[in-house]
Amino acid sequence: MSRLCQITGAKPTLGRKIIRSGKSKKSGGIGTHVTANTARRFRPNLRSKRLYVPELGRYVTLKLTARAMKTIDKNGAYSTLKRAGLV
């Protein structure tokens, strides 16, 4: 299964890790320089969660980010699932 949040649609994004070396000018050096620029992936904070939805009268298993769980706590399970198009 893919690394995708079913509520927010968050997925892994690409980025870079910049490696610098040298002593800063402020500390008495000649300045820092970029020595490497390595590709990396930023992965979403996914959790598999089993929720009870009283309006449906059943449990629903979802793959959610931590932010989506906060949204469900705030707005309720049924309305959040309905807005995401899962109900």
PDB file of N, CA and C in Angstrom:
ATOM      1  N   MET A   1       0.837  -1.185   0.000  1.00  0.00           N
ATOM      2  CA  MET A   1       0.000   0.000   0.000  1.00  0.00           C
ATOM      3  C   MET A   1       0.881   1.247   0.000  1.00  0.00           C
ATOM      4  N   SER A   2       0.430   2.273  -0.688  1.00  0.00           N
ATOM      5  CA  SER A   2       1.252   3.471  -0.831  1.00  0.00           C
ATOM      6  C   SER A   2       1.268   4.301   0.448  1.00  0.00           C
ATOM      7  N   ARG A   3       2.288   5.149   0.546  1.00  0.00           N
ATOM      8  CA  ARG A   3       2.404   6.051   1.696  1.00  0.00           C
ATOM      9  C   ARG A   3       1.577   7.298   1.406  1.00  0.00           C
ATOM     10  N   LEU A   4       0.266   7.200   1.612  1.00  0.00           N
ATOM     11  CA  LEU A   4      -0.659   8.276   1.269  1.00  0.00           C
ATOM     12  C   LEU A   4      -1.723   8.374   2.348  1.00  0.00           C
ATOM     13  N   CYS A   5      -1.943   9.587   2.854  1.00  0.00           N
ATOM     14  CA  CYS A   5      -2.996   9.808   3.842  1.00  0.00           C
ATOM     15  C   CYS A   5      -4.342   9.844   3.123  1.00  0.00           C
ATOM     16  N   GLN A   6      -5.322   9.096   3.645  1.00  0.00           N
ATOM     17  CA  GLN A   6      -6.621   9.008   2.996  1.00  0.00           C
ATOM     18  C   GLN A   6      -7.480  10.252   3.232  1.00  0.00           C
ATOM     19  N   ILE A   7      -7.142  11.051   4.221  1.00  0.00           N
ATOM     20  CA  ILE A   7      -7.916  12.267   4.517  1.00  0.00           C
ATOM     21  C   ILE A   7      -7.280  13.497   3.871  1.00  0.00           C
ATOM     22  N   THR A   8      -6.005  13.747   4.169  1.00  0.00           N
ATOM     23  CA  THR A   8      -5.358  14.971   3.694  1.00  0.00           C
ATOM     24  C   THR A   8      -4.687  14.813   2.343  1.00  0.00           C
ATOM     25  N   GLY A   9      -4.421  13.567   1.932  1.00  0.00           N
ATOM     26  CA  GLY A   9      -3.736  13.345   0.659  1.00  0.00           C
ATOM     27  C   GLY A   9      -2.236  13.578   0.732  1.00  0.00           C
ATOM     28  N   ALA A  10      -1.683  13.656   1.952  1.00  0.00           N
ATOM     29  CA  ALA A  10      -0.244  13.877   2.120  1.00  0.00           C
ATOM     30  C   ALA A  10       0.524  12.678   1.599  1.00  0.00           C
ATOM     31  N   LYS A  11       1.596  12.947   0.866  1.00  0.00           N
ATOM     32  CA  LYS A  11       2.422  11.882   0.311  1.00  0.00           C
ATOM     33  C   LYS A  11       3.884  12.296   0.418  1.00  0.00           C
ATOM     34  N   PRO A  12       4.816  11.367   0.191  1.00  0.00           N
ATOM     35  CA  PRO A  12       6.231  11.731   0.288  1.00  0.00           C
ATOM     36  C   PRO A  12       6.602  12.808  -0.727  1.00  0.00           C
ATOM     37  N   THR A  13       7.433  13.753  -0.291  1.00  0.00           N
ATOM     38  CA  THR A  13       7.912  14.799  -1.186  1.00  0.00           C
ATOM     39  C   THR A  13       9.429  14.722  -1.279  1.00  0.00           C
ATOM     40  N   LEU A  14       9.967  15.231  -2.366  1.00  0.00           N
ATOM     41  CA  LEU A  14      11.405  15.208  -2.578  1.00  0.00           C
ATOM     42  C   LEU A  14      12.026  16.495  -2.071  1.00  0.00           C
ATOM     43  N   GLY A  15      13.255  16.376  -1.586  1.00  0.00           N
ATOM     44  CA  GLY A  15      13.970  17.543  -1.095  1.00  0.00           C
ATOM     45  C   GLY A  15      15.464  17.297  -1.162  1.00  0.00           C
ATOM     46  N   ARG A  16      16.214  18.144  -0.516  1.00  0.00           N
ATOM     47  CA  ARG A  16      17.664  18.042  -0.526  1.00  0.00           C
ATOM     48  C   ARG A  16      18.202  18.169   0.892  1.00  0.00           C
ATOM     49  N   LYS A  17      19.340  17.492   1.143  1.00  0.00           N
ATOM     50  CA  LYS A  17      20.086  17.680   2.374  1.00  0.00           C
ATOM     51  C   LYS A  17      21.380  18.361   1.983  1.00  0.00           C
ATOM     52  N   ILE A  18      21.575  19.580   2.475  1.00  0.00           N
ATOM     53  CA  ILE A  18      22.754  20.363   2.125  1.00  0.00           C
ATOM     54  C   ILE A  18      23.799  20.184   3.219  1.00  0.00           C
ATOM     55  N   ILE A  19      24.996  19.782   2.825  1.00  0.00           N
ATOM     56  CA  ILE A  19      26.095  19.598   3.768  1.00  0.00           C
ATOM     57  C   ILE A  19      27.077  20.745   3.582  1.00  0.00           C
ATOM     58  N   ARG A  20      27.372  21.433   4.676  1.00  0.00           N
ATOM     59  CA  ARG A  20      28.283  22.576   4.638  1.00  0.00           C
ATOM     60  C   ARG A  20      29.520  22.267   5.468  1.00  0.00           C
ATOM     61  N   SER A  21      30.648  22.842   5.082  1.00  0.00           N
ATOM     62  CA  SER A  21      31.857  22.683   5.884  1.00  0.00           C
ATOM     63  C   SER A  21      32.573  24.021   5.984  1.00  0.00           C
ATOM     64  N   GLY A  22      33.444  24.126   6.936  1.00  0.00           N
ATOM     65  CA  GLY A  22      34.199  25.353   7.138  1.00  0.00           C
ATOM     66  C   GLY A  22      33.758  26.083   8.382  1.00  0.00           C
ATOM     67  N   LYS A  23      34.562  27.062   8.767  1.00  0.00           N
ATOM     68  CA  LYS A  23      34.282  27.871   9.944  1.00  0.00           C
ATOM     69  C   LYS A  23      33.675  29.191   9.497  1.00  0.00           C
ATOM     70  N   SER A  24      32.622  29.620  10.193  1.00  0.00           N
ATOM     71  CA  SER A  24      31.939  30.843   9.794  1.00  0.00           C
ATOM     72  C   SER A  24      32.850  32.064   9.951  1.00  0.00           C
ATOM     73  N   LYS A  25      32.572  33.095   9.160  1.00  0.00           N
ATOM     74  CA  LYS A  25      33.348  34.336   9.233  1.00  0.00           C
ATOM     75  C   LYS A  25      33.216  34.986  10.604  1.00  0.00           C
ATOM     76  N   LYS A  26      32.010  34.851  11.179  1.00  0.00           N
ATOM     77  CA  LYS A  26      31.749  35.434  12.489  1.00  0.00           C
ATOM     78  C   LYS A  26      32.656  34.816  13.563  1.00  0.00           C
ATOM     79  N   SER A  27      33.000  33.533  13.354  1.00  0.00           N
ATOM     80  CA  SER A  27      33.849  32.835  14.319  1.00  0.00           C
ATOM     81  C   SER A  27      35.327  32.905  13.970  1.00  0.00           C
ATOM     82  N   GLY A  28      35.675  33.714  12.959  1.00  0.00           N
ATOM     83  CA  GLY A  28      37.074  33.888  12.624  1.00  0.00           C
ATOM     84  C   GLY A  28      37.559  33.037  11.469  1.00  0.00           C
ATOM     85  N   GLY A  29      36.660  32.370  10.762  1.00  0.00           N
ATOM     86  CA  GLY A  29      37.049  31.548   9.627  1.00  0.00           C
ATOM     87  C   GLY A  29      36.899  32.296   8.322  1.00  0.00           C
ATOM     88  N   ILE A  30      36.991  31.554   7.209  1.00  0.00           N
ATOM     89  CA  ILE A  30      36.849  32.184   5.887  1.00  0.00           C
ATOM     90  C   ILE A  30      35.452  31.978   5.302  1.00  0.00           C
ATOM     91  N   GLY A  31      34.550  31.392   6.076  1.00  0.00           N
ATOM     92  CA  GLY A  31      33.177  31.215   5.634  1.00  0.00           C
ATOM     93  C   GLY A  31      32.852  29.756   5.358  1.00  0.00           C
ATOM     94  N   THR A  32      31.576  29.405   5.463  1.00  0.00           N
ATOM     95  CA  THR A  32      31.151  28.031   5.192  1.00  0.00           C
ATOM     96  C   THR A  32      30.867  27.869   3.704  1.00  0.00           C
ATOM     97  N   HIS A  33      31.067  26.653   3.195  1.00  0.00           N
ATOM     98  CA  HIS A  33      30.840  26.351   1.782  1.00  0.00           C
ATOM     99  C   HIS A  33      30.032  25.070   1.673  1.00  0.00           C
ATOM    100  N   VAL A  34      29.172  25.008   0.667  1.00  0.00           N
ATOM    101  CA  VAL A  34      28.390  23.808   0.408  1.00  0.00           C
ATOM    102  C   VAL A  34      29.308  22.788  -0.249  1.00  0.00           C
ATOM    103  N   THR A  35      29.388  21.590   0.350  1.00  0.00           N
ATOM    104  CA  THR A  35      30.263  20.546  -0.191  1.00  0.00           C
ATOM    105  C   THR A  35      29.467  19.385  -0.773  1.00  0.00           C
ATOM    106  N   ALA A  36      28.184  19.266  -0.429  1.00  0.00           N
ATOM    107  CA  ALA A  36      27.356  18.177  -0.964  1.00  0.00           C
ATOM    108  C   ALA A  36      25.901  18.615  -0.963  1.00  0.00           C
ATOM    109  N   ASN A  37      25.156  18.087  -1.930  1.00  0.00           N
ATOM    110  CA  ASN A  37      23.738  18.386  -2.070  1.00  0.00           C
ATOM    111  C   ASN A  37      23.053  17.070  -2.414  1.00  0.00           C
ATOM    112  N   THR A  38      22.577  16.357  -1.400  1.00  0.00           N
ATOM    113  CA  THR A  38      22.088  15.000  -1.548  1.00  0.00           C
ATOM    114  C   THR A  38      20.563  14.978  -1.569  1.00  0.00           C
ATOM    115  N   ALA A  39      19.993  14.222  -2.512  1.00  0.00           N
ATOM    116  CA  ALA A  39      18.536  14.089  -2.598  1.00  0.00           C
ATOM    117  C   ALA A  39      18.028  13.246  -1.439  1.00  0.00           C
ATOM    118  N   ARG A  40      16.859  13.590  -0.937  1.00  0.00           N
ATOM    119  CA  ARG A  40      16.213  12.811   0.117  1.00  0.00           C
ATOM    120  C   ARG A  40      14.709  12.920  -0.029  1.00  0.00           C
ATOM    121  N   ARG A  41      13.979  12.114   0.749  1.00  0.00           N
ATOM    122  CA  ARG A  41      12.521  12.136   0.720  1.00  0.00           C
ATOM    123  C   ARG A  41      11.993  12.517   2.105  1.00  0.00           C
ATOM    124  N   PHE A  42      11.010  13.399   2.121  1.00  0.00           N
ATOM    125  CA  PHE A  42      10.309  13.755   3.354  1.00  0.00           C
ATOM    126  C   PHE A  42       9.043  12.913   3.387  1.00  0.00           C
ATOM    127  N   ARG A  43       8.963  11.987   4.365  1.00  0.00           N
ATOM    128  CA  ARG A  43       7.825  11.077   4.425  1.00  0.00           C
ATOM    129  C   ARG A  43       6.780  11.593   5.411  1.00  0.00           C
ATOM    130  N   PRO A  44       5.486  11.424   5.102  1.00  0.00           N
ATOM    131  CA  PRO A  44       4.439  11.862   6.028  1.00  0.00           C
ATOM    132  C   PRO A  44       4.385  10.963   7.261  1.00  0.00           C
ATOM    133  N   ASN A  45       3.903  11.523   8.356  1.00  0.00           N
ATOM    134  CA  ASN A  45       3.804  10.804   9.623  1.00  0.00           C
ATOM    135  C   ASN A  45       2.523   9.967   9.610  1.00  0.00           C
ATOM    136  N   LEU A  46       2.577   8.784   8.985  1.00  0.00           N
ATOM    137  CA  LEU A  46       1.394   7.954   8.790  1.00  0.00           C
ATOM    138  C   LEU A  46       1.192   6.955   9.916  1.00  0.00           C
ATOM    139  N   ARG A  47      -0.075   6.743  10.265  1.00  0.00           N
ATOM    140  CA  ARG A  47      -0.490   5.754  11.246  1.00  0.00           C
ATOM    141  C   ARG A  47      -1.702   5.014  10.699  1.00  0.00           C
ATOM    142  N   SER A  48      -1.777   3.725  10.964  1.00  0.00           N
ATOM    143  CA  SER A  48      -2.968   2.954  10.605  1.00  0.00           C
ATOM    144  C   SER A  48      -3.909   3.024  11.804  1.00  0.00           C
ATOM    145  N   LYS A  49      -5.132   3.497  11.594  1.00  0.00           N
ATOM    146  CA  LYS A  49      -6.048   3.774  12.697  1.00  0.00           C
ATOM    147  C   LYS A  49      -7.408   3.151  12.410  1.00  0.00           C
ATOM    148  N   ARG A  50      -8.000   2.545  13.425  1.00  0.00           N
ATOM    149  CA  ARG A  50      -9.325   1.946  13.319  1.00  0.00           C
ATOM    150  C   ARG A  50     -10.289   2.834  14.099  1.00  0.00           C
ATOM    151  N   LEU A  51     -11.233   3.454  13.393  1.00  0.00           N
ATOM    152  CA  LEU A  51     -12.168   4.402  14.009  1.00  0.00           C
ATOM    153  C   LEU A  51     -13.579   3.846  14.008  1.00  0.00           C
ATOM    154  N   TYR A  52     -14.316   4.128  15.060  1.00  0.00           N
ATOM    155  CA  TYR A  52     -15.739   3.793  15.089  1.00  0.00           C
ATOM    156  C   TYR A  52     -16.531   5.015  14.640  1.00  0.00           C
ATOM    157  N   VAL A  53     -17.389   4.835  13.650  1.00  0.00           N
ATOM    158  CA  VAL A  53     -18.219   5.926  13.136  1.00  0.00           C
ATOM    159  C   VAL A  53     -19.657   5.632  13.546  1.00  0.00           C
ATOM    160  N   PRO A  54     -20.203   6.374  14.534  1.00  0.00           N
ATOM    161  CA  PRO A  54     -21.557   6.083  15.030  1.00  0.00           C
ATOM    162  C   PRO A  54     -22.639   6.240  13.963  1.00  0.00           C
ATOM    163  N   GLU A  55     -22.473   7.196  13.041  1.00  0.00           N
ATOM    164  CA  GLU A  55     -23.481   7.412  11.994  1.00  0.00           C
ATOM    165  C   GLU A  55     -23.592   6.213  11.053  1.00  0.00           C
ATOM    166  N   LEU A  56     -22.466   5.520  10.851  1.00  0.00           N
ATOM    167  CA  LEU A  56     -22.470   4.326  10.000  1.00  0.00           C
ATOM    168  C   LEU A  56     -22.704   3.057  10.809  1.00  0.00           C
ATOM    169  N   GLY A  57     -22.462   3.135  12.125  1.00  0.00           N
ATOM    170  CA  GLY A  57     -22.643   1.985  12.996  1.00  0.00           C
ATOM    171  C   GLY A  57     -21.584   0.910  12.798  1.00  0.00           C
ATOM    172  N   ARG A  58     -20.395   1.295  12.357  1.00  0.00           N
ATOM    173  CA  ARG A  58     -19.340   0.307  12.124  1.00  0.00           C
ATOM    174  C   ARG A  58     -17.967   0.946  12.290  1.00  0.00           C
ATOM    175  N   TYR A  59     -16.959   0.072  12.307  1.00  0.00           N
ATOM    176  CA  TYR A  59     -15.572   0.518  12.372  1.00  0.00           C
ATOM    177  C   TYR A  59     -15.028   0.711  10.962  1.00  0.00           C
ATOM    178  N   VAL A  60     -14.120   1.688  10.816  1.00  0.00           N
ATOM    179  CA  VAL A  60     -13.461   1.967   9.545  1.00  0.00           C
ATOM    180  C   VAL A  60     -11.961   2.016   9.812  1.00  0.00           C
ATOM    181  N   THR A  61     -11.189   1.286   9.003  1.00  0.00           N
ATOM    182  CA  THR A  61      -9.733   1.306   9.132  1.00  0.00           C
ATOM    183  C   THR A  61      -9.168   2.262   8.098  1.00  0.00           C
ATOM    184  N   LEU A  62      -8.350   3.212   8.559  1.00  0.00           N
ATOM    185  CA  LEU A  62      -7.804   4.245   7.687  1.00  0.00           C
ATOM    186  C   LEU A  62      -6.302   4.367   7.896  1.00  0.00           C
ATOM    187  N   LYS A  63      -5.613   4.861   6.882  1.00  0.00           N
ATOM    188  CA  LYS A  63      -4.200   5.216   6.997  1.00  0.00           C
ATOM    189  C   LYS A  63      -4.159   6.738   7.049  1.00  0.00           C
ATOM    190  N   LEU A  64      -3.772   7.273   8.216  1.00  0.00           N
ATOM    191  CA  LEU A  64      -3.879   8.708   8.480  1.00  0.00           C
ATOM    192  C   LEU A  64      -2.552   9.309   8.917  1.00  0.00           C
ATOM    193  N   THR A  65      -2.400  10.608   8.650  1.00  0.00           N
ATOM    194  CA  THR A  65      -1.292  11.356   9.227  1.00  0.00           C
ATOM    195  C   THR A  65      -1.720  11.841  10.615  1.00  0.00           C
ATOM    196  N   ALA A  66      -0.763  12.283  11.391  1.00  0.00           N
ATOM    197  CA  ALA A  66      -1.061  12.811  12.721  1.00  0.00           C
ATOM    198  C   ALA A  66      -1.948  14.052  12.600  1.00  0.00           C
ATOM    199  N   ARG A  67      -1.724  14.860  11.569  1.00  0.00           N
ATOM    200  CA  ARG A  67      -2.543  16.054  11.361  1.00  0.00           C
ATOM    201  C   ARG A  67      -3.990  15.677  11.038  1.00  0.00           C
ATOM    202  N   ALA A  68      -4.200  14.596  10.290  1.00  0.00           N
ATOM    203  CA  ALA A  68      -5.556  14.148   9.965  1.00  0.00           C
ATOM    204  C   ALA A  68      -6.284  13.656  11.215  1.00  0.00           C
ATOM    205  N   MET A  69      -5.547  13.031  12.137  1.00  0.00           N
ATOM    206  CA  MET A  69      -6.167  12.589  13.391  1.00  0.00           C
ATOM    207  C   MET A  69      -6.656  13.782  14.211  1.00  0.00           C
ATOM    208  N   LYS A  70      -5.868  14.871  14.198  1.00  0.00           N
ATOM    209  CA  LYS A  70      -6.299  16.084  14.898  1.00  0.00           C
ATOM    210  C   LYS A  70      -7.538  16.676  14.242  1.00  0.00           C
ATOM    211  N   THR A  71      -7.622  16.602  12.922  1.00  0.00           N
ATOM    212  CA  THR A  71      -8.787  17.096  12.194  1.00  0.00           C
ATOM    213  C   THR A  71     -10.020  16.283  12.551  1.00  0.00           C
ATOM    214  N   ILE A  72      -9.877  14.965  12.657  1.00  0.00           N
ATOM    215  CA  ILE A  72     -10.997  14.097  13.029  1.00  0.00           C
ATOM    216  C   ILE A  72     -11.453  14.403  14.449  1.00  0.00           C
ATOM    217  N   ASP A  73     -10.517  14.643  15.356  1.00  0.00           N
ATOM    218  CA  ASP A  73     -10.876  14.998  16.730  1.00  0.00           C
ATOM    219  C   ASP A  73     -11.654  16.309  16.774  1.00  0.00           C
ATOM    220  N   LYS A  74     -11.285  17.241  15.909  1.00  0.00           N
ATOM    221  CA  LYS A  74     -11.911  18.560  15.913  1.00  0.00           C
ATOM    222  C   LYS A  74     -13.286  18.542  15.238  1.00  0.00           C
ATOM    223  N   ASN A  75     -13.393  17.935  14.052  1.00  0.00           N
ATOM    224  CA  ASN A  75     -14.615  18.017  13.251  1.00  0.00           C
ATOM    225  C   ASN A  75     -15.517  16.798  13.342  1.00  0.00           C
ATOM    226  N   GLY A  76     -15.037  15.707  13.909  1.00  0.00           N
ATOM    227  CA  GLY A  76     -15.814  14.476  13.981  1.00  0.00           C
ATOM    228  C   GLY A  76     -15.457  13.547  12.830  1.00  0.00           C
ATOM    229  N   ALA A  77     -15.640  12.245  13.061  1.00  0.00           N
ATOM    230  CA  ALA A  77     -15.224  11.242  12.076  1.00  0.00           C
ATOM    231  C   ALA A  77     -16.091  11.288  10.820  1.00  0.00           C
ATOM    232  N   TYR A  78     -17.398  11.321  10.987  1.00  0.00           N
ATOM    233  CA  TYR A  78     -18.287  11.226   9.827  1.00  0.00           C
ATOM    234  C   TYR A  78     -18.140  12.419   8.890  1.00  0.00           C
ATOM    235  N   SER A  79     -18.119  13.626   9.439  1.00  0.00           N
ATOM    236  CA  SER A  79     -18.028  14.812   8.584  1.00  0.00           C
ATOM    237  C   SER A  79     -16.673  14.883   7.872  1.00  0.00           C
ATOM    238  N   THR A  80     -15.620  14.442   8.550  1.00  0.00           N
ATOM    239  CA  THR A  80     -14.281  14.452   7.912  1.00  0.00           C
ATOM    240  C   THR A  80     -14.212  13.421   6.802  1.00  0.00           C
ATOM    241  N   LEU A  81     -14.758  12.228   7.037  1.00  0.00           N
ATOM    242  CA  LEU A  81     -14.771  11.184   6.002  1.00  0.00           C
ATOM    243  C   LEU A  81     -15.632  11.591   4.821  1.00  0.00           C
ATOM    244  N   LYS A  82     -16.733  12.258   5.101  1.00  0.00           N
ATOM    245  CA  LYS A  82     -17.635  12.711   4.039  1.00  0.00           C
ATOM    246  C   LYS A  82     -16.957  13.773   3.171  1.00  0.00           C
ATOM    247  N   ARG A  83     -16.248  14.719   3.804  1.00  0.00           N
ATOM    248  CA  ARG A  83     -15.547  15.756   3.066  1.00  0.00           C
ATOM    249  C   ARG A  83     -14.417  15.186   2.200  1.00  0.00           C
ATOM    250  N   ALA A  84     -13.778  14.100   2.690  1.00  0.00           N
ATOM    251  CA  ALA A  84     -12.694  13.443   1.943  1.00  0.00           C
ATOM    252  C   ALA A  84     -13.216  12.526   0.852  1.00  0.00           C
ATOM    253  N   GLY A  85     -14.541  12.276   0.850  1.00  0.00           N
ATOM    254  CA  GLY A  85     -15.137  11.426  -0.173  1.00  0.00           C
ATOM    255  C   GLY A  85     -15.010   9.937   0.105  1.00  0.00           C
ATOM    256  N   LEU A  86     -14.829   9.575   1.371  1.00  0.00           N
ATOM    257  CA  LEU A  86     -14.687   8.169   1.721  1.00  0.00           C
ATOM    258  C   LEU A  86     -15.992   7.520   2.168  1.00  0.00           C
ATOM    259  N   VAL A  87     -17.034   8.310   2.365  1.00  0.00           N
ATOM    260  CA  VAL A  87     -18.338   7.783   2.783  1.00  0.00           C
ATOM    261  C   VAL A  87     -19.349   8.025   1.692  1.00  0.00           C
TER     262      VAL A  87
END
